[in-house]
Amino acid sequence: MVNLSLLDQNPFVERYDIAEFRPLENGIYYRCEVVWKDGSRLFTREYSTDTKRVYSFHWQENNDRLLLRWDNAPHFPLLSTFPHHRHNADGTVSEHPPARFEEVIKEITQSLSE
């Protein structure tokens, strides 16, 4: 379940919009956009049930340049964390354990506080 209180209480969040939120019989689907005080944006999308999880957390600057994206699209089969991975601002892709909304918010918050 997505914990929106992390956004309500975060001093770096300008605003957020829940584009879609659907509880499922055994899970949830949501899409959300977070606008940070520096103008960057986080686009989240997650479908999660008891047996399947598909997610993407895409953080970009206000000029649309990628900062980071965490997802589990199955297009990097040689990574040890396949299908989970992270796209970096320099265009590289790195191994990453399954990403969670709370962890992504924490990582972005830490980055903005530096």
Protein backbone atom coordinates (compact mmCIF):
# COMPACT_ATOMS: atom_id res chain seq x y z
CA MET A 1 0.00 0.00 0.00
CA VAL A 2 1.26 3.48 -0.85
CA ASN A 3 1.87 5.66 2.20
CA LEU A 4 0.78 9.18 1.18
CA SER A 5 1.57 10.59 4.61
CA LEU A 6 5.22 10.48 3.51
CA LEU A 7 4.32 13.16 0.98
CA ASP A 8 2.07 15.19 3.28
CA GLN A 9 4.84 15.46 5.88
CA ASN A 10 7.78 15.94 3.51
CA PRO A 11 9.20 19.49 3.48
CA PHE A 12 10.60 19.01 -0.04
CA VAL A 13 7.22 18.16 -1.62
CA GLU A 14 5.48 21.08 -3.32
CA ARG A 15 2.37 19.08 -4.19
CA TYR A 16 1.20 15.72 -5.46
CA ASP A 17 -1.67 14.52 -7.58
CA ILE A 18 -3.20 11.06 -7.52
CA ALA A 19 -4.05 10.48 -11.18
CA GLU A 20 -5.60 7.09 -10.57
CA PHE A 21 -6.20 4.90 -7.54
CA ARG A 22 -7.97 1.56 -7.78
CA PRO A 23 -8.18 -0.96 -4.99
CA LEU A 24 -8.24 -4.47 -6.43
CA GLU A 25 -9.66 -7.64 -4.94
CA ASN A 26 -6.20 -8.75 -3.87
CA GLY A 27 -4.09 -5.64 -4.44
CA ILE A 28 -3.89 -2.09 -5.71
CA TYR A 29 -3.19 0.02 -8.79
CA TYR A 30 -2.21 3.68 -8.60
CA ARG A 31 -0.56 6.46 -10.58
CA CYS A 32 0.76 9.56 -8.88
CA GLU A 33 2.79 12.64 -9.78
CA VAL A 34 4.89 14.35 -7.11
CA VAL A 35 6.19 17.86 -7.73
CA TRP A 36 9.21 18.66 -5.58
CA LYS A 37 10.12 22.18 -4.44
CA ASP A 38 13.10 22.27 -6.82
CA GLY A 39 10.69 21.76 -9.75
CA SER A 40 11.62 18.14 -10.39
CA ARG A 41 8.83 15.58 -10.78
CA LEU A 42 8.35 11.98 -9.76
CA PHE A 43 5.92 9.91 -11.80
CA THR A 44 4.85 6.72 -10.06
CA ARG A 45 2.89 3.77 -11.36
CA GLU A 46 2.35 0.53 -9.51
CA TYR A 47 0.17 -2.52 -9.97
CA SER A 48 0.47 -4.95 -7.10
CA THR A 49 -1.43 -8.11 -6.24
CA ASP A 50 -0.68 -11.20 -4.17
CA THR A 51 1.06 -12.79 -7.17
CA LYS A 52 2.28 -9.96 -9.42
CA ARG A 53 3.91 -6.55 -9.10
CA VAL A 54 4.71 -4.11 -11.89
CA TYR A 55 6.14 -0.70 -11.04
CA SER A 56 7.90 2.36 -12.34
CA PHE A 57 9.18 5.34 -10.37
CA HIS A 58 10.47 7.97 -12.79
CA TRP A 59 12.16 11.09 -11.38
CA GLN A 60 13.04 13.88 -13.79
CA GLU A 61 14.14 17.50 -13.75
CA ASN A 62 11.67 20.22 -14.72
CA ASN A 63 13.23 20.22 -18.22
CA ASP A 64 12.30 16.50 -18.57
CA ARG A 65 15.91 15.26 -18.16
CA LEU A 66 16.00 11.91 -16.37
CA LEU A 67 17.42 11.91 -12.86
CA LEU A 68 16.58 8.30 -11.87
CA ARG A 69 14.06 5.64 -12.76
CA TRP A 70 13.41 2.45 -10.85
CA ASP A 71 11.36 -0.24 -12.59
CA ASN A 72 10.93 -3.94 -13.19
CA ALA A 73 10.29 -4.05 -16.94
CA PRO A 74 11.94 -7.30 -18.09
CA HIS A 75 14.44 -5.82 -20.55
CA PHE A 76 17.82 -6.34 -18.83
CA PRO A 77 17.99 -10.12 -18.28
CA LEU A 78 21.74 -10.19 -17.56
CA LEU A 79 21.44 -8.15 -14.37
CA SER A 80 21.57 -10.21 -11.19
CA THR A 81 18.49 -8.37 -9.87
CA PHE A 82 16.48 -9.04 -13.05
CA PRO A 83 13.88 -7.79 -13.70
CA HIS A 84 14.47 -5.06 -11.09
CA HIS A 85 16.88 -2.28 -12.05
CA ARG A 86 17.59 1.45 -11.98
CA HIS A 87 18.17 3.83 -14.88
CA ASN A 88 20.71 6.50 -13.99
CA ALA A 89 20.98 10.09 -15.25
CA ASP A 90 24.13 9.25 -17.22
CA GLY A 91 22.24 6.65 -19.29
CA THR A 92 23.58 3.60 -17.51
CA VAL A 93 21.43 0.89 -15.98
CA SER A 94 22.35 -0.68 -12.67
CA GLU A 95 21.27 -3.60 -10.54
CA HIS A 96 18.76 -2.68 -7.87
CA PRO A 97 16.56 -4.68 -5.52
CA PRO A 98 12.79 -4.32 -5.89
CA ALA A 99 11.99 -0.63 -5.37
CA ARG A 100 9.26 0.52 -3.00
CA PHE A 101 7.45 3.85 -2.92
CA GLU A 102 8.71 4.63 0.58
CA GLU A 103 12.35 3.94 -0.35
CA VAL A 104 12.14 6.06 -3.49
CA ILE A 105 10.68 9.00 -1.55
CA LYS A 106 13.44 8.63 1.05
CA GLU A 107 16.21 8.52 -1.58
CA ILE A 108 14.88 11.59 -3.41
CA THR A 109 14.45 13.47 -0.13
CA GLN A 110 18.05 12.69 0.84
CA SER A 111 19.27 13.85 -2.55
CA LEU A 112 17.36 17.13 -2.29
CA SER A 113 18.62 17.79 1.23
CA GLU A 114 22.29 17.63 0.21
